[in-house]
Structure formats: C-alpha cells, structure tokens
Amino acid sequence: MVNLREDETLDDLQLKGIKVIQKKQGFRFGVDAVLLANFARVKKHHSVIDLCSGTGIIPFILAGKTEASKITGLEIQPGMVEMAQRTIDYNSLGNRVDMVQGDLRDMVLLSRLQRADVVTVNPPYKLHNSGLINPLSEEAIARHEVLCSLEDVIAACRKLLKDNGRMYMVHRPERMVDILCIMRKYKIEPKAIRLVHPSVSKAPNIMLIEGQRDGGAYLKWEPPLYIHNEDGSYTEEIEKIYGRG
C-alpha cells in the first residue's frame, strides 16, 4: 500500500515493476536523469552515490537496470528525501537503495559515507540569480546554483570516489569549459563526452560526461545521441533507453 498524498502521482518506470512518487506540479524528473542513468557504467556489486538526488529517480533507475550492490542518494531538501523514502518502502528496495538528507558541501558528512565505485550527479544547471523568481522553492533549488556551485559538486565527487572510481554527470554544453577545467583542478580526468541533440538538425542541449579519479589523460568523444526524428517521433535509441524498443 502506497502512502500517496493528494498532490502526488505514482509513476511506473517500466523497470522491474518499480514505481516512483512525484509531485503533480513543480519539480518532476525529465529526460536528463534517464539519460544519465543509462550513460553511467555501473557493474555488478558496484557501490553508487547519486548527488543532488531529488526524489531519487537516478537511484531507482539504476536499481532496476543494474546489479549495483548499494545505491545511496544524497539530497539537501528534506521533503524530497521523505518522498524518496516512501518510494523505497513501496518498492521494498531498502536492502539496496537508501537516501541521506544533507549538504554535499558538508565534508564531515561526506567523510562518513563509504567511498563509491561510481558517483552520478544531475546538478543545478543555471547560474545563481539567472531568472530566479523564488530562490528557495524546490524547483529553483533543483535547477539553479542556489545551494551549491559546479565546483562544490565536483569537489564532492572527488571526496566520495574510490581510487580510480568513475564520475558521471549530465549538464549543459555551454558549461563544458568550466566543467573540464574544474574536473582537472580536482584531479578527475575527463574520459568520455556524449552530446545530446533534440533532433539531427538542432544543436546539442545536453552533455553527458564521464570522469575518472586520478585517471590518465585520454578523452573519447562518443557518437551523438538524438532525441527525436525529423517527424517528431522518438529515435530508436531513445525508445530502447526508455525500454520501449
């Protein structure tokens, strides 16, 4: 029995029967989170930490798609953590998935967490004060650098990764130079980049990037990913990612 509130929905991930609780209005997970969870190379028995976890969508997708032994979501907003915890309970995932409420800038908190083989993060994309109406709303905190900066996020990845562990992030292509420079500052070597285009004729609007803690210098460009065909339908690869292909 799910403890669902009036302003919430229960949505089927179409992955091993997992269903997630989300708000009807406000912040809901999008294609970015789905693409990141698909991009991350998580092997059997890997431990994973997901930063800026929101209502836990990436941990829940990884729980359905991979054989990771432990997946921890770290999220600063108590309301989102509480919602994610109800999703964990509803799906009986407590043996593999847990949520921690806290600030990724809190190095004491990070030091208490076990280091992970993989760290995933779908961070706020927009710079602080860029078009903010209510800077303390859940949606603003999730989308704008209100409570953490890009450098804070990458510093936390460095702290949480095991030696040679891998970081996977989704962001915007216009922040690529900032991302690469900060990753190298914290000795997380960029290893692979994949650009995501709305369609073949449009410029990329999403970037997926993999980095390795203390890795050697070698960057691979992966083939571009297109969301839509020219007729507006989803591409075959997107259909497969969503489990419909």
Protein backbone atom coordinates (compact mmCIF):
# COMPACT_ATOMS: atom_id res chain seq x y z
CA MET A 1 0.00 0.00 0.00
CA VAL A 2 1.45 3.35 -1.03
CA ASN A 3 1.15 6.40 1.19
CA LEU A 4 0.23 8.80 -1.64
CA ARG A 5 -0.80 12.39 -0.98
CA GLU A 6 -3.34 14.44 -2.88
CA ASP A 7 -0.71 16.46 -4.78
CA GLU A 8 1.37 13.40 -5.78
CA THR A 9 1.40 10.80 -8.53
CA LEU A 10 2.72 7.24 -8.64
CA ASP A 11 4.57 6.73 -11.92
CA ASP A 12 5.66 3.42 -13.46
CA LEU A 13 9.33 3.36 -14.52
CA GLN A 14 8.68 0.22 -16.58
CA LEU A 15 11.72 -1.33 -14.90
CA LYS A 16 11.14 -4.45 -12.82
CA GLY A 17 7.83 -3.04 -11.60
CA ILE A 18 9.43 -0.04 -9.86
CA LYS A 19 7.07 2.92 -9.35
CA VAL A 20 8.14 6.35 -8.12
CA ILE A 21 6.29 9.05 -6.20
CA GLN A 22 6.39 12.55 -7.68
CA LYS A 23 4.60 15.86 -7.25
CA LYS A 24 1.80 16.59 -9.73
CA GLN A 25 3.09 20.15 -10.01
CA GLY A 26 6.61 21.50 -9.53
CA PHE A 27 9.85 19.57 -10.00
CA ARG A 28 9.48 16.23 -11.82
CA PHE A 29 12.26 14.15 -13.31
CA GLY A 30 12.98 14.59 -17.02
CA VAL A 31 14.95 13.08 -19.84
CA ASP A 32 18.26 14.31 -18.35
CA ALA A 33 18.01 11.93 -15.40
CA VAL A 34 17.03 9.00 -17.61
CA LEU A 35 19.95 9.63 -19.98
CA LEU A 36 22.43 9.96 -17.13
CA ALA A 37 21.31 6.71 -15.52
CA ASN A 38 21.68 4.99 -18.89
CA PHE A 39 25.11 6.59 -19.54
CA ALA A 40 26.65 5.56 -16.20
CA ARG A 41 28.61 2.31 -16.44
CA VAL A 42 27.62 0.52 -13.28
CA LYS A 43 28.90 -3.04 -12.89
CA LYS A 44 27.76 -5.92 -10.71
CA HIS A 45 28.48 -5.32 -7.00
CA HIS A 46 29.40 -1.66 -7.59
CA SER A 47 28.52 0.89 -4.94
CA VAL A 48 26.96 4.12 -6.23
CA ILE A 49 26.34 7.56 -4.71
CA ASP A 50 23.96 9.91 -6.51
CA LEU A 51 24.39 13.60 -5.66
CA CYS A 52 21.61 16.20 -5.99
CA SER A 53 19.34 13.17 -5.95
CA GLY A 54 15.98 14.91 -5.69
CA THR A 55 13.27 12.30 -5.25
CA GLY A 56 15.76 9.54 -6.09
CA ILE A 57 14.96 8.94 -9.74
CA ILE A 58 18.54 8.00 -10.72
CA PRO A 59 18.97 5.53 -7.82
CA PHE A 60 15.63 3.93 -8.72
CA ILE A 61 16.50 3.60 -12.43
CA LEU A 62 19.92 2.14 -11.52
CA ALA A 63 18.24 -0.27 -9.10
CA GLY A 64 16.11 -1.51 -11.97
CA LYS A 65 18.78 -1.55 -14.69
CA THR A 66 21.93 -2.69 -12.89
CA GLU A 67 23.21 -5.16 -10.32
CA ALA A 68 24.77 -2.48 -8.13
CA SER A 69 25.00 -3.72 -4.55
CA LYS A 70 24.34 -0.36 -2.86
CA ILE A 71 22.94 2.92 -4.20
CA THR A 72 22.81 6.00 -1.98
CA GLY A 73 21.07 9.24 -2.89
CA LEU A 74 22.24 12.48 -1.23
CA GLU A 75 19.74 15.34 -1.30
CA ILE A 76 19.60 18.59 0.68
CA GLN A 77 15.81 19.11 0.62
CA PRO A 78 14.04 17.14 3.38
CA GLY A 79 10.73 17.00 1.51
CA MET A 80 12.30 15.27 -1.48
CA VAL A 81 14.18 12.82 0.74
CA GLU A 82 10.95 11.94 2.56
CA MET A 83 9.20 11.33 -0.77
CA ALA A 84 12.09 9.16 -1.99
CA GLN A 85 11.99 7.16 1.24
CA ARG A 86 8.31 6.37 0.67
CA THR A 87 9.23 5.17 -2.84
CA ILE A 88 11.94 2.93 -1.34
CA ASP A 89 9.44 1.48 1.12
CA TYR A 90 6.73 0.98 -1.51
CA ASN A 91 9.12 -0.94 -3.80
CA SER A 92 10.83 -2.85 -0.95
CA LEU A 93 14.24 -1.57 -2.08
CA GLY A 94 15.65 -0.82 1.37
CA ASN A 95 18.29 -3.54 1.04
CA ARG A 96 19.87 -1.79 -1.97
CA VAL A 97 18.79 1.88 -2.01
CA ASP A 98 18.95 4.49 0.73
CA MET A 99 18.59 8.26 0.93
CA VAL A 100 20.67 10.68 3.00
CA GLN A 101 19.45 14.19 3.73
CA GLY A 102 22.38 16.58 3.75
CA ASP A 103 24.53 19.20 2.03
CA LEU A 104 27.16 18.00 -0.45
CA ARG A 105 29.37 20.88 0.74
CA ASP A 106 29.49 19.29 4.22
CA MET A 107 32.83 17.49 4.16
CA VAL A 108 32.22 15.97 7.61
CA LEU A 109 29.04 14.35 6.29
CA LEU A 110 30.81 13.14 3.13
CA SER A 111 33.61 11.62 5.19
CA ARG A 112 31.01 9.47 6.99
CA LEU A 113 29.79 7.96 3.71
CA GLN A 114 31.54 4.94 2.26
CA ARG A 115 33.56 5.78 -0.84
CA ALA A 116 31.85 4.65 -4.04
CA ASP A 117 32.87 2.97 -7.28
CA VAL A 118 30.56 5.34 -9.16
CA VAL A 119 29.22 8.82 -8.40
CA THR A 120 26.38 10.18 -10.52
CA VAL A 121 25.10 13.75 -10.45
CA ASN A 122 22.41 15.74 -12.22
CA PRO A 123 23.30 19.13 -10.70
CA PRO A 124 21.56 22.50 -10.96
CA TYR A 125 22.38 23.87 -14.42
CA LYS A 126 21.59 27.54 -14.14
CA LEU A 127 23.81 30.13 -12.52
CA HIS A 128 22.52 31.72 -9.32
CA ASN A 129 20.06 34.60 -9.90
CA SER A 130 19.58 33.80 -13.61
CA GLY A 131 15.82 34.28 -13.92
CA LEU A 132 15.01 33.26 -10.34
CA ILE A 133 11.52 34.13 -9.08
CA ASN A 134 11.52 32.28 -5.75
CA PRO A 135 15.11 31.25 -4.92
CA LEU A 136 14.00 28.97 -2.08
CA SER A 137 11.41 26.96 -3.99
CA GLU A 138 12.09 23.25 -4.56
CA GLU A 139 12.21 23.76 -8.31
CA ALA A 140 14.63 26.71 -8.08
CA ILE A 141 16.98 24.77 -5.80
CA ALA A 142 16.94 21.82 -8.20
CA ARG A 143 17.59 23.92 -11.32
CA HIS A 144 19.70 26.90 -10.17
CA GLU A 145 23.04 27.05 -8.35
CA VAL A 146 21.36 28.38 -5.20
CA LEU A 147 22.72 25.98 -2.58
CA CYS A 148 25.76 24.60 -4.42
CA SER A 149 28.04 25.59 -7.28
CA LEU A 150 29.50 23.46 -10.05
CA GLU A 151 32.82 23.46 -8.17
CA ASP A 152 31.09 22.29 -4.97
CA VAL A 153 29.61 19.36 -6.91
CA ILE A 154 32.91 18.25 -8.44
CA ALA A 155 34.76 18.66 -5.13
CA ALA A 156 32.19 16.35 -3.53
CA CYS A 157 32.69 13.80 -6.33
CA ARG A 158 36.43 13.82 -5.63
CA LYS A 159 35.81 13.24 -1.93
CA LEU A 160 33.35 10.37 -2.48
CA LEU A 161 35.06 8.38 -5.24
CA LYS A 162 37.26 5.38 -4.59
CA ASP A 163 40.71 5.39 -6.20
CA ASN A 164 40.12 5.26 -9.99
CA GLY A 165 36.36 5.47 -9.42
CA ARG A 166 34.17 6.99 -12.09
CA MET A 167 32.02 10.12 -12.03
CA TYR A 168 29.08 10.61 -14.43
CA MET A 169 27.41 13.98 -14.84
CA VAL A 170 24.73 15.48 -17.06
CA HIS A 171 24.93 19.21 -17.75
CA ARG A 172 24.60 21.81 -20.49
CA PRO A 173 27.14 22.06 -23.36
CA GLU A 174 27.64 25.79 -22.77
CA ARG A 175 29.27 24.94 -19.40
CA MET A 176 31.72 22.45 -20.96
CA VAL A 177 34.86 24.55 -20.48
CA ASP A 178 34.00 25.27 -16.83
CA ILE A 179 33.31 21.57 -16.21
CA LEU A 180 36.55 20.31 -17.80
CA CYS A 181 38.70 22.89 -16.01
CA ILE A 182 37.18 22.18 -12.60
CA MET A 183 37.39 18.42 -13.08
CA ARG A 184 41.12 18.68 -13.76
CA LYS A 185 41.55 21.00 -10.79
CA TYR A 186 40.20 18.22 -8.57
CA LYS A 187 42.15 15.50 -10.41
CA ILE A 188 39.11 13.88 -12.01
CA GLU A 189 40.24 13.24 -15.57
CA PRO A 190 37.57 13.63 -18.29
CA LYS A 191 37.33 10.28 -20.08
CA ALA A 192 34.24 10.45 -22.33
CA ILE A 193 31.75 13.04 -23.55
CA ARG A 194 28.47 12.46 -25.36
CA LEU A 195 26.39 15.31 -26.73
CA VAL A 196 22.61 15.00 -26.90
CA HIS A 197 20.64 16.80 -29.62
CA PRO A 198 16.87 17.45 -29.68
CA SER A 199 16.99 16.27 -33.33
CA VAL A 200 19.50 15.82 -36.16
CA SER A 201 19.08 19.41 -37.35
CA LYS A 202 19.44 21.06 -33.93
CA ALA A 203 22.46 21.93 -31.80
CA PRO A 204 23.12 19.83 -28.68
CA ASN A 205 21.40 20.97 -25.49
CA ILE A 206 22.54 18.22 -23.11
CA MET A 207 26.04 16.93 -22.35
CA LEU A 208 26.92 13.64 -20.67
CA ILE A 209 30.43 13.40 -19.24
CA GLU A 210 32.44 10.63 -17.59
CA GLY A 211 35.49 11.30 -15.42
CA GLN A 212 37.94 9.09 -13.54
CA ARG A 213 39.52 9.93 -10.21
CA ASP A 214 43.30 10.21 -10.84
CA GLY A 215 42.84 8.77 -14.34
CA GLY A 216 45.29 9.17 -17.20
CA ALA A 217 44.80 11.85 -19.86
CA TYR A 218 42.64 10.41 -22.63
CA LEU A 219 39.28 11.79 -23.77
CA LYS A 220 36.89 9.88 -26.02
CA TRP A 221 34.05 11.53 -27.95
CA GLU A 222 31.06 9.21 -28.12
CA PRO A 223 28.58 9.29 -31.03
CA PRO A 224 25.90 11.98 -30.71
CA LEU A 225 22.53 10.98 -29.31
CA TYR A 226 19.39 12.33 -31.00
CA ILE A 227 16.11 12.55 -29.06
CA HIS A 228 13.68 13.00 -31.96
CA ASN A 229 13.47 12.06 -35.61
CA GLU A 230 12.66 14.82 -38.09
CA ASP A 231 8.96 13.87 -37.94
CA GLY A 232 8.92 14.47 -34.17
CA SER A 233 8.85 10.80 -33.16
CA TYR A 234 11.42 9.41 -30.73
CA THR A 235 14.54 7.86 -32.22
CA GLU A 236 15.14 4.13 -31.96
CA GLU A 237 17.89 4.64 -29.37
CA ILE A 238 15.66 6.74 -27.13
CA GLU A 239 12.90 4.13 -27.38
CA LYS A 240 15.41 1.48 -26.25
CA ILE A 241 16.64 3.66 -23.36
CA TYR A 242 13.06 4.02 -22.15
CA GLY A 243 12.51 0.27 -22.51
CA ARG A 244 10.08 0.56 -25.39
CA GLY A 245 12.33 -0.57 -28.21
